[in-house]
Amino acid sequence: MMTQQLPLNIEGLEQYQSKLESASGAWLKAFRQKAFDQWSAIGMPTLKDEEWKYLSLADLVNRRFQIATHHKLIEDKQFENYRDKGDINIVLVNGVLWGELSDLKHLPAGLTVSSLDAALAHNNAEIQDTITKLVPNDTKAFLWMNQALFLDGVCVQVAKNAVIEPVVHIIHVTSGIAPETIVFPRTFISVGEAAQVNILESHICFEPVSYLSNAVTDMRIASNAVVAYCKAQAEAHQAVHVGTTRIWQEKGSSLDSFSFNHGGLLTRNNLSILIKGEGTHTIMNGLYGLNGNQQVDNHTLLDIQHPNCTSYQLYKGLLNDKSRAIFNGKIYVHAVAQKTNAYQLNKHLLLGKEARVDTKPQLEIFADDVKCTHGATIGQLSQEEIFYLQSRCITQQMAIQLLSKGFIDDIINTIKNDSIRGKLSRLLLKRFPEVL
């Protein structure tokens, strides 16, 4: 065990690690120890780090955390309403797969779901290969902390040529915890060659408690597979959520991804997509709705390592009160990635006079036969448009609602699946009832 000062103050860490070690096989023990050593050495990111210069984590360093040990869900009608009967609901509570709450008995052909702990215990070569080859990104301190300390997780595998019709809904619930608790949601998704699937990953909490959710999701998409993937973050309003999503996309595959954020006091999302084959198509869309003192920091990386690939990215933010948004989107085109066609745009609508945005779209291009564009806009509602609507006997409040809804619907409607689109619309309506 390491004895030096750790990046975070965590009670009972040595006892917790001893339990993990006794329940882990040889490969996982070595994997955890390496991650722990890296996490111990790197420390927490600060405002002096280029990729964190707009988001302060100083408050986390001053807290004394404990790791979640209770995994029984407190019954809540809101939770029951969140699960649609037509979906395949996979429920994890405080990072642990909860079979009694999940739909695991009658899975469609080609879909396999198990705890990540069980999958790793069977020496799953694909999981080991993927999570070791996916490079750390700007949240590497949190990635290594998760890899060193996660207790369990979920492994979702879609077989070659399988077509999964219902939405696969992975629900990470934080429940029944004391203040200043850390949870480590962990997800691994494998989509086989020429398979098709719609996946929604939700992070939710219905209790007004302060905690840190350090979530990691790794996905491997085989050649010619078609995947729609949405991550919805609706944590408690007092929570801190740091999410790391790493996706490996192979030849001819298609990924339609959507990032949705409206919960948490402070959120950092890192989405990294590695293009590991020719002729891929990638959509990276996102929406964040903030009010009060909420902060959200979205960092995205599209690493294009092969030719003839297309991508489209649109992130939108609706900010009220004193909320703050940060966006940093990077597209990296390697020299071999000729015939790349990449588009990136970040747009914000400020409803609050004290709302603030820092946006930085980036292109790094080392190929000479490409079409790549990027841009960013920040603005408020047009007074001329509001006046025009008022002249048609529409109240000022209703005019603001209509214009804001139009701004949001433009991005929400890019989600093709009705079930996923409906869930996100309901979540956003709860957050902005006076606006929407």
Protein backbone atom coordinates (compact mmCIF):
# COMPACT_ATOMS: atom_id res chain seq x y z
CA MET A 1 0.00 0.00 0.00
CA MET A 2 1.12 3.54 -0.73
CA THR A 3 1.82 5.67 2.33
CA GLN A 4 2.40 9.08 0.74
CA GLN A 5 -0.17 11.85 0.70
CA LEU A 6 -3.00 10.92 -1.67
CA PRO A 7 -4.81 13.36 -3.98
CA LEU A 8 -8.05 12.96 -1.96
CA ASN A 9 -8.66 12.30 1.71
CA ILE A 10 -10.55 8.97 1.86
CA GLU A 11 -11.47 7.29 5.13
CA GLY A 12 -10.75 3.57 5.57
CA LEU A 13 -8.95 3.30 2.25
CA GLU A 14 -6.50 0.57 3.25
CA GLN A 15 -9.24 -1.70 4.61
CA TYR A 16 -11.29 -1.15 1.45
CA GLN A 17 -8.30 -1.98 -0.76
CA SER A 18 -7.64 -5.16 1.21
CA LYS A 19 -11.19 -6.34 0.48
CA LEU A 20 -10.75 -5.55 -3.20
CA GLU A 21 -7.46 -7.42 -3.34
CA SER A 22 -8.87 -10.55 -1.70
CA ALA A 23 -11.72 -10.67 -4.25
CA SER A 24 -9.61 -10.00 -7.38
CA GLY A 25 -7.76 -12.34 -9.72
CA ALA A 26 -4.09 -11.89 -10.59
CA TRP A 27 -4.67 -9.71 -13.68
CA LEU A 28 -7.11 -7.38 -11.89
CA LYS A 29 -4.83 -7.09 -8.83
CA ALA A 30 -1.95 -5.91 -11.03
CA PHE A 31 -4.26 -3.62 -12.98
CA ARG A 32 -5.58 -2.00 -9.80
CA GLN A 33 -2.12 -1.59 -8.27
CA LYS A 34 -0.72 0.10 -11.38
CA ALA A 35 -3.69 2.48 -11.47
CA PHE A 36 -3.33 3.24 -7.76
CA ASP A 37 0.36 4.04 -8.18
CA GLN A 38 -0.40 6.36 -11.11
CA TRP A 39 -3.22 8.08 -9.25
CA SER A 40 -1.07 8.55 -6.14
CA ALA A 41 1.73 10.10 -8.16
CA ILE A 42 -0.22 12.48 -10.39
CA GLY A 43 -2.28 14.40 -7.85
CA MET A 44 -5.42 16.40 -8.50
CA PRO A 45 -5.61 18.73 -11.52
CA THR A 46 -5.50 22.45 -10.74
CA LEU A 47 -6.21 25.69 -12.55
CA LYS A 48 -2.56 25.66 -13.67
CA ASP A 49 -3.29 22.65 -15.88
CA GLU A 50 -4.27 23.82 -19.37
CA GLU A 51 -7.18 21.38 -19.68
CA TRP A 52 -8.59 22.40 -16.26
CA LYS A 53 -7.90 26.13 -16.18
CA TYR A 54 -11.59 27.12 -16.07
CA LEU A 55 -12.81 24.57 -13.51
CA SER A 56 -11.58 24.58 -9.92
CA LEU A 57 -11.56 21.33 -7.91
CA ALA A 58 -10.07 22.92 -4.80
CA ASP A 59 -13.24 22.19 -2.81
CA LEU A 60 -12.79 18.43 -3.32
CA VAL A 61 -9.29 18.49 -1.89
CA ASN A 62 -10.58 20.04 1.34
CA ARG A 63 -13.22 17.34 1.94
CA ARG A 64 -12.98 14.03 3.77
CA PHE A 65 -14.63 11.31 1.70
CA GLN A 66 -15.79 7.76 2.31
CA ILE A 67 -16.41 5.05 -0.30
CA ALA A 68 -19.99 3.86 -0.72
CA THR A 69 -20.57 0.50 0.96
CA HIS A 70 -24.38 0.31 1.06
CA HIS A 71 -25.91 -0.90 -2.17
CA LYS A 72 -29.60 -1.32 -1.39
CA LEU A 73 -31.90 1.02 -3.28
CA ILE A 74 -34.29 3.12 -1.25
CA GLU A 75 -37.72 2.73 -2.83
CA ASP A 76 -38.68 5.85 -4.70
CA LYS A 77 -41.64 6.45 -7.00
CA GLN A 78 -39.53 8.76 -9.13
CA PHE A 79 -37.19 5.86 -9.86
CA GLU A 80 -40.02 3.55 -10.84
CA ASN A 81 -41.37 6.22 -13.18
CA TYR A 82 -37.93 6.56 -14.76
CA ARG A 83 -37.87 2.94 -15.91
CA ASP A 84 -39.92 2.30 -19.05
CA LYS A 85 -41.36 -1.19 -19.40
CA GLY A 86 -40.45 -1.33 -23.07
CA ASP A 87 -36.72 -0.93 -22.33
CA ILE A 88 -34.18 -3.45 -21.11
CA ASN A 89 -33.40 -1.86 -17.75
CA ILE A 90 -30.02 -2.66 -16.20
CA VAL A 91 -29.79 -1.12 -12.74
CA LEU A 92 -26.66 -0.49 -10.68
CA VAL A 93 -26.82 0.99 -7.17
CA ASN A 94 -23.71 2.80 -5.98
CA GLY A 95 -21.70 1.02 -8.65
CA VAL A 96 -22.98 -2.52 -8.01
CA LEU A 97 -25.23 -4.43 -10.42
CA TRP A 98 -28.63 -5.02 -8.79
CA GLY A 99 -30.24 -8.06 -10.39
CA GLU A 100 -33.60 -7.74 -8.60
CA LEU A 101 -34.18 -4.36 -10.21
CA SER A 102 -32.86 -5.30 -13.65
CA ASP A 103 -34.50 -7.03 -16.63
CA LEU A 104 -32.00 -9.87 -17.01
CA LYS A 105 -34.22 -12.96 -17.20
CA HIS A 106 -35.50 -12.69 -20.77
CA LEU A 107 -32.81 -10.90 -22.76
CA PRO A 108 -33.13 -10.92 -26.57
CA ALA A 109 -30.88 -13.21 -28.56
CA GLY A 110 -27.42 -11.74 -29.01
CA LEU A 111 -27.42 -9.63 -25.86
CA THR A 112 -25.39 -10.65 -22.80
CA VAL A 113 -25.32 -8.72 -19.51
CA SER A 114 -23.19 -9.56 -16.47
CA SER A 115 -21.42 -7.84 -13.64
CA LEU A 116 -18.05 -6.48 -14.67
CA ASP A 117 -16.48 -8.32 -11.75
CA ALA A 118 -17.80 -11.64 -13.09
CA ALA A 119 -16.69 -10.87 -16.64
CA LEU A 120 -13.15 -10.04 -15.54
CA ALA A 121 -13.02 -13.14 -13.35
CA HIS A 122 -13.39 -15.23 -16.53
CA ASN A 123 -10.29 -13.59 -18.01
CA ASN A 124 -12.24 -11.76 -20.68
CA ALA A 125 -9.50 -10.94 -23.18
CA GLU A 126 -11.56 -8.32 -25.04
CA ILE A 127 -12.19 -6.26 -21.90
CA GLN A 128 -8.57 -6.46 -20.81
CA ASP A 129 -7.30 -5.55 -24.27
CA THR A 130 -9.68 -2.60 -24.66
CA ILE A 131 -9.27 -0.91 -21.29
CA THR A 132 -5.50 -1.18 -21.44
CA LYS A 133 -5.23 0.16 -25.01
CA LEU A 134 -7.60 3.09 -24.59
CA VAL A 135 -5.27 5.92 -23.68
CA PRO A 136 -5.85 8.15 -20.63
CA ASN A 137 -7.40 11.51 -21.39
CA ASP A 138 -7.68 14.82 -19.55
CA THR A 139 -9.46 13.15 -16.61
CA LYS A 140 -6.65 10.64 -16.11
CA ALA A 141 -6.38 11.36 -12.36
CA PHE A 142 -10.05 10.36 -11.99
CA LEU A 143 -9.70 7.51 -14.49
CA TRP A 144 -6.87 5.98 -12.49
CA MET A 145 -8.73 6.50 -9.22
CA ASN A 146 -11.74 4.66 -10.65
CA GLN A 147 -9.59 1.82 -12.02
CA ALA A 148 -7.88 1.41 -8.67
CA LEU A 149 -11.02 1.54 -6.51
CA PHE A 150 -14.10 0.46 -8.48
CA LEU A 151 -15.91 -2.40 -6.76
CA ASP A 152 -18.04 -3.73 -9.59
CA GLY A 153 -19.81 -2.53 -12.71
CA VAL A 154 -21.67 -3.87 -15.71
CA CYS A 155 -20.52 -5.60 -18.88
CA VAL A 156 -22.90 -5.39 -21.86
CA GLN A 157 -22.04 -7.44 -24.95
CA VAL A 158 -23.89 -7.45 -28.28
CA ALA A 159 -23.05 -10.43 -30.49
CA LYS A 160 -21.99 -10.30 -34.13
CA ASN A 161 -24.91 -9.51 -36.51
CA ALA A 162 -27.39 -9.14 -33.60
CA VAL A 163 -30.12 -6.50 -33.91
CA ILE A 164 -31.37 -5.41 -30.47
CA GLU A 165 -34.72 -3.65 -30.89
CA PRO A 166 -35.50 -2.38 -27.33
CA VAL A 167 -33.42 0.38 -25.77
CA VAL A 168 -30.72 -1.01 -23.49
CA HIS A 169 -31.02 1.35 -20.51
CA ILE A 170 -28.08 1.24 -18.08
CA ILE A 171 -29.21 3.09 -14.93
CA HIS A 172 -26.55 4.10 -12.41
CA VAL A 173 -28.38 5.11 -9.22
CA THR A 174 -26.72 6.79 -6.25
CA SER A 175 -28.83 5.99 -3.19
CA GLY A 176 -28.81 5.60 0.59
CA ILE A 177 -25.43 7.24 1.14
CA ALA A 178 -24.07 9.66 3.72
CA PRO A 179 -22.76 13.08 2.68
CA GLU A 180 -19.24 13.19 1.21
CA THR A 181 -19.38 9.68 -0.25
CA ILE A 182 -17.60 8.57 -3.43
CA VAL A 183 -19.22 6.18 -5.89
CA PHE A 184 -17.42 4.54 -8.82
CA PRO A 185 -19.87 3.65 -11.63
CA ARG A 186 -18.12 1.46 -14.19
CA THR A 187 -19.48 0.32 -17.57
CA PHE A 188 -18.02 -1.78 -20.37
CA ILE A 189 -19.89 -2.12 -23.67
CA SER A 190 -18.89 -4.34 -26.57
CA VAL A 191 -20.79 -4.25 -29.88
CA GLY A 192 -19.95 -7.03 -32.32
CA GLU A 193 -19.42 -6.87 -36.05
CA ALA A 194 -22.46 -5.63 -38.03
CA ALA A 195 -24.61 -5.51 -34.87
CA GLN A 196 -27.19 -2.80 -34.13
CA VAL A 197 -28.20 -1.40 -30.73
CA ASN A 198 -29.61 1.70 -28.96
CA ILE A 199 -28.04 2.38 -25.55
CA LEU A 200 -29.02 4.93 -22.90
CA GLU A 201 -26.73 5.32 -19.88
CA SER A 202 -28.28 7.33 -17.03
CA HIS A 203 -26.69 8.66 -13.84
CA ILE A 204 -29.41 9.66 -11.38
CA CYS A 205 -30.03 10.41 -7.71
CA PHE A 206 -33.28 11.39 -6.00
CA GLU A 207 -31.80 12.37 -2.62
CA PRO A 208 -30.51 15.86 -1.70
CA VAL A 209 -27.00 14.82 -0.64
CA SER A 210 -23.47 15.96 -1.50
CA TYR A 211 -21.27 13.26 -3.07
CA LEU A 212 -18.68 12.59 -5.77
CA SER A 213 -19.53 10.30 -8.68
CA ASN A 214 -16.41 9.21 -10.58
CA ALA A 215 -17.80 7.33 -13.57
CA VAL A 216 -15.95 5.50 -16.35
CA THR A 217 -17.50 3.98 -19.50
CA ASP A 218 -15.49 2.11 -22.11
CA MET A 219 -17.02 0.99 -25.42
CA ARG A 220 -15.65 -1.03 -28.31
CA ILE A 221 -17.56 -0.91 -31.61
CA ALA A 222 -16.59 -3.57 -34.13
CA SER A 223 -16.53 -3.11 -37.90
CA ASN A 224 -19.80 -2.20 -39.65
CA ALA A 225 -21.74 -2.03 -36.37
CA VAL A 226 -24.40 0.67 -35.88
CA VAL A 227 -24.67 2.18 -32.40
CA ALA A 228 -26.81 4.96 -30.93
CA TYR A 229 -25.44 5.88 -27.49
CA CYS A 230 -26.72 8.54 -25.11
CA LYS A 231 -25.37 9.46 -21.69
CA ALA A 232 -27.84 11.35 -19.46
CA GLN A 233 -26.50 12.94 -16.29
CA ALA A 234 -29.19 13.86 -13.75
CA GLU A 235 -27.30 13.68 -10.45
CA ALA A 236 -28.39 15.38 -7.22
CA HIS A 237 -28.05 19.15 -7.38
CA GLN A 238 -25.35 19.09 -4.66
CA ALA A 239 -23.23 16.42 -6.38
CA VAL A 240 -19.96 16.49 -8.29
CA HIS A 241 -19.88 14.27 -11.39
CA VAL A 242 -16.67 13.48 -13.24
CA GLY A 243 -17.34 11.25 -16.23
CA THR A 244 -14.81 9.58 -18.52
CA THR A 245 -16.18 7.97 -21.70
CA ARG A 246 -13.75 6.26 -24.09
CA ILE A 247 -14.93 4.75 -27.36
CA TRP A 248 -13.01 2.59 -29.84
CA GLN A 249 -14.63 2.70 -33.29
CA GLU A 250 -13.55 0.25 -36.01
CA LYS A 251 -13.79 0.12 -39.82
CA GLY A 252 -17.11 1.05 -41.41
CA SER A 253 -18.91 1.46 -38.09
CA SER A 254 -21.46 4.16 -37.30
CA LEU A 255 -21.81 5.91 -33.94
CA ASP A 256 -24.56 8.39 -33.08
CA SER A 257 -23.67 9.73 -29.61
CA PHE A 258 -25.49 12.27 -27.44
CA SER A 259 -24.40 13.82 -24.14
CA PHE A 260 -27.14 15.27 -21.90
CA ASN A 261 -26.48 17.18 -18.65
CA HIS A 262 -28.82 18.94 -16.29
CA GLY A 263 -27.93 17.62 -12.82
CA GLY A 264 -25.06 18.13 -10.40
CA LEU A 265 -23.49 21.24 -8.97
CA LEU A 266 -20.23 20.64 -10.81
CA THR A 267 -19.81 18.35 -13.81
CA ARG A 268 -16.81 17.42 -15.92
CA ASN A 269 -17.39 15.20 -18.97
CA ASN A 270 -14.58 13.80 -21.06
CA LEU A 271 -15.60 12.02 -24.27
CA SER A 272 -12.77 10.51 -26.31
CA ILE A 273 -13.46 8.65 -29.55
CA LEU A 274 -10.63 6.83 -31.30
CA ILE A 275 -11.20 6.10 -34.99
CA LYS A 276 -9.40 2.79 -35.55
CA GLY A 277 -10.64 1.95 -39.05
CA GLU A 278 -11.43 3.45 -42.44
CA GLY A 279 -14.86 4.72 -43.50
CA THR A 280 -16.43 5.39 -40.11
CA HIS A 281 -19.28 7.81 -39.44
CA THR A 282 -19.43 9.60 -36.09
CA ILE A 283 -21.98 11.99 -34.59
CA MET A 284 -21.10 13.74 -31.32
CA ASN A 285 -24.03 15.87 -30.16
CA GLY A 286 -24.79 17.25 -26.73
CA LEU A 287 -27.11 19.45 -24.69
CA TYR A 288 -26.68 20.96 -21.24
CA GLY A 289 -29.31 22.94 -19.35
CA LEU A 290 -28.03 24.80 -16.29
CA ASN A 291 -29.35 27.21 -13.68
CA GLY A 292 -28.42 28.49 -10.23
CA ASN A 293 -24.66 28.11 -9.64
CA GLN A 294 -24.22 24.96 -11.72
CA GLN A 295 -21.03 24.43 -13.71
CA VAL A 296 -20.47 21.98 -16.55
CA ASP A 297 -17.21 21.37 -18.40
CA ASN A 298 -17.41 19.30 -21.61
CA HIS A 299 -14.14 18.14 -23.16
CA THR A 300 -14.37 16.09 -26.34
CA LEU A 301 -11.67 14.49 -28.49
CA LEU A 302 -12.16 12.88 -31.89
CA ASP A 303 -8.89 11.16 -32.82
CA ILE A 304 -9.09 10.24 -36.53
CA GLN A 305 -6.39 7.74 -37.43
CA HIS A 306 -7.74 6.41 -40.76
CA PRO A 307 -8.93 7.89 -44.09
CA ASN A 308 -12.41 8.42 -45.55
CA CYS A 309 -14.14 9.16 -42.24
CA THR A 310 -16.95 11.62 -41.59
CA SER A 311 -18.01 13.29 -38.37
CA TYR A 312 -20.54 15.87 -37.18
CA GLN A 313 -20.57 17.56 -33.77
CA LEU A 314 -23.09 20.01 -32.31
CA TYR A 315 -23.12 20.91 -28.61
CA LYS A 316 -25.70 23.35 -27.24
CA GLY A 317 -26.01 24.97 -23.82
CA LEU A 318 -28.97 26.76 -22.20
CA LEU A 319 -27.75 28.80 -19.20
CA ASN A 320 -29.87 30.57 -16.60
CA ASP A 321 -29.04 32.56 -13.43
CA LYS A 322 -25.29 32.44 -12.54
CA SER A 323 -24.51 29.13 -14.20
CA ARG A 324 -21.30 28.52 -16.13
CA ALA A 325 -20.41 26.32 -19.11
CA ILE A 326 -17.03 25.31 -20.48
CA PHE A 327 -16.54 23.58 -23.82
CA ASN A 328 -13.34 22.30 -25.36
CA GLY A 329 -13.77 20.20 -28.48
CA LYS A 330 -10.73 18.87 -30.32
CA ILE A 331 -10.62 17.08 -33.67
CA TYR A 332 -7.21 15.53 -34.36
CA VAL A 333 -6.64 14.40 -37.96
CA HIS A 334 -3.56 12.24 -38.49
CA ALA A 335 -1.47 12.54 -41.66
CA VAL A 336 -2.80 9.24 -42.98
CA ALA A 337 -6.44 10.30 -42.51
CA GLN A 338 -7.00 11.74 -45.99
CA LYS A 339 -10.54 12.46 -47.25
CA THR A 340 -11.68 13.30 -43.72
CA ASN A 341 -14.87 15.36 -43.49
CA ALA A 342 -15.37 16.83 -40.00
CA TYR A 343 -17.76 19.53 -38.74
CA GLN A 344 -17.91 21.00 -35.23
CA LEU A 345 -20.14 23.72 -33.72
CA ASN A 346 -20.79 24.89 -30.15
CA LYS A 347 -23.76 27.22 -29.43
CA HIS A 348 -24.99 28.83 -26.19
CA LEU A 349 -28.13 30.69 -25.23
CA LEU A 350 -27.76 32.85 -22.12
CA LEU A 351 -31.00 33.47 -20.21
CA GLY A 352 -29.28 34.76 -17.06
CA LYS A 353 -27.48 38.08 -17.00
CA GLU A 354 -24.64 36.59 -14.92
CA ALA A 355 -24.31 33.34 -16.87
CA ARG A 356 -20.84 32.73 -18.33
CA VAL A 357 -19.33 30.62 -21.11
CA ASP A 358 -15.75 29.68 -22.03
CA THR A 359 -15.60 27.85 -25.36
CA LYS A 360 -12.63 26.55 -27.34
CA PRO A 361 -13.25 24.51 -30.50
CA GLN A 362 -9.98 23.06 -31.85
CA LEU A 363 -8.75 21.49 -35.07
CA GLU A 364 -5.34 19.84 -35.40
CA ILE A 365 -4.93 18.66 -38.98
CA PHE A 366 -1.90 16.86 -40.39
CA ALA A 367 -3.54 15.65 -43.63
CA ASP A 368 -3.84 17.87 -46.73
CA ASP A 369 -6.97 16.49 -48.42
CA VAL A 370 -9.70 17.14 -45.84
CA LYS A 371 -12.82 19.22 -45.20
CA CYS A 372 -12.86 20.40 -41.59
CA THR A 373 -14.75 23.34 -40.08
CA HIS A 374 -15.48 24.52 -36.55
CA GLY A 375 -17.17 27.42 -34.80
CA ALA A 376 -18.81 28.73 -31.64
CA THR A 377 -21.59 31.19 -30.84
CA ILE A 378 -22.74 32.79 -27.57
CA GLY A 379 -25.83 34.95 -27.44
CA GLN A 380 -28.99 36.03 -25.70
CA LEU A 381 -32.57 36.00 -26.93
CA SER A 382 -33.21 38.54 -29.63
CA GLN A 383 -35.28 41.44 -28.35
CA GLU A 384 -36.58 41.95 -31.88
CA GLU A 385 -37.90 38.37 -31.99
CA ILE A 386 -39.51 38.77 -28.57
CA PHE A 387 -41.11 42.07 -29.65
CA TYR A 388 -42.37 40.45 -32.86
CA LEU A 389 -44.08 37.67 -30.92
CA GLN A 390 -45.53 40.16 -28.44
CA SER A 391 -47.00 42.11 -31.35
CA ARG A 392 -48.91 38.89 -32.18
CA CYS A 393 -50.60 38.93 -28.75
CA ILE A 394 -48.06 36.54 -27.16
CA THR A 395 -46.89 37.45 -23.66
CA GLN A 396 -43.22 38.17 -23.02
CA GLN A 397 -42.88 35.03 -20.86
CA MET A 398 -44.49 32.87 -23.52
CA ALA A 399 -42.23 34.43 -26.18
CA ILE A 400 -39.15 33.52 -24.12
CA GLN A 401 -40.50 29.99 -23.69
CA LEU A 402 -41.12 29.54 -27.41
CA LEU A 403 -37.70 30.81 -28.45
CA SER A 404 -35.89 28.75 -25.78
CA LYS A 405 -37.83 25.64 -26.74
CA GLY A 406 -36.91 26.14 -30.36
CA PHE A 407 -33.23 26.37 -29.40
CA ILE A 408 -33.48 23.08 -27.47
CA ASP A 409 -35.74 21.18 -29.84
CA ASP A 410 -33.25 21.70 -32.65
CA ILE A 411 -30.73 19.46 -30.86
CA ILE A 412 -33.13 17.13 -29.00
CA ASN A 413 -34.78 16.18 -32.27
CA THR A 414 -31.49 14.80 -33.59
CA ILE A 415 -32.12 11.80 -31.29
CA LYS A 416 -33.86 9.26 -33.49
CA ASN A 417 -35.15 6.93 -30.76
CA ASP A 418 -38.53 8.05 -29.39
CA SER A 419 -38.02 6.47 -25.95
CA ILE A 420 -34.68 8.18 -25.34
CA ARG A 421 -35.86 11.51 -26.71
CA GLY A 422 -38.94 11.42 -24.47
CA LYS A 423 -36.90 10.71 -21.32
CA LEU A 424 -34.56 13.62 -21.95
CA SER A 425 -37.42 15.99 -22.67
CA ARG A 426 -39.10 15.06 -19.37
CA LEU A 427 -35.86 15.57 -17.44
CA LEU A 428 -35.30 18.98 -19.01
CA LEU A 429 -38.88 20.05 -18.32
CA LYS A 430 -38.35 19.35 -14.61
CA ARG A 431 -35.22 21.49 -14.66
CA PHE A 432 -36.71 24.43 -16.61
CA PRO A 433 -40.48 24.40 -15.97
CA GLU A 434 -40.66 28.19 -16.12
CA VAL A 435 -38.81 28.27 -19.43
CA LEU A 436 -40.13 25.18 -21.23
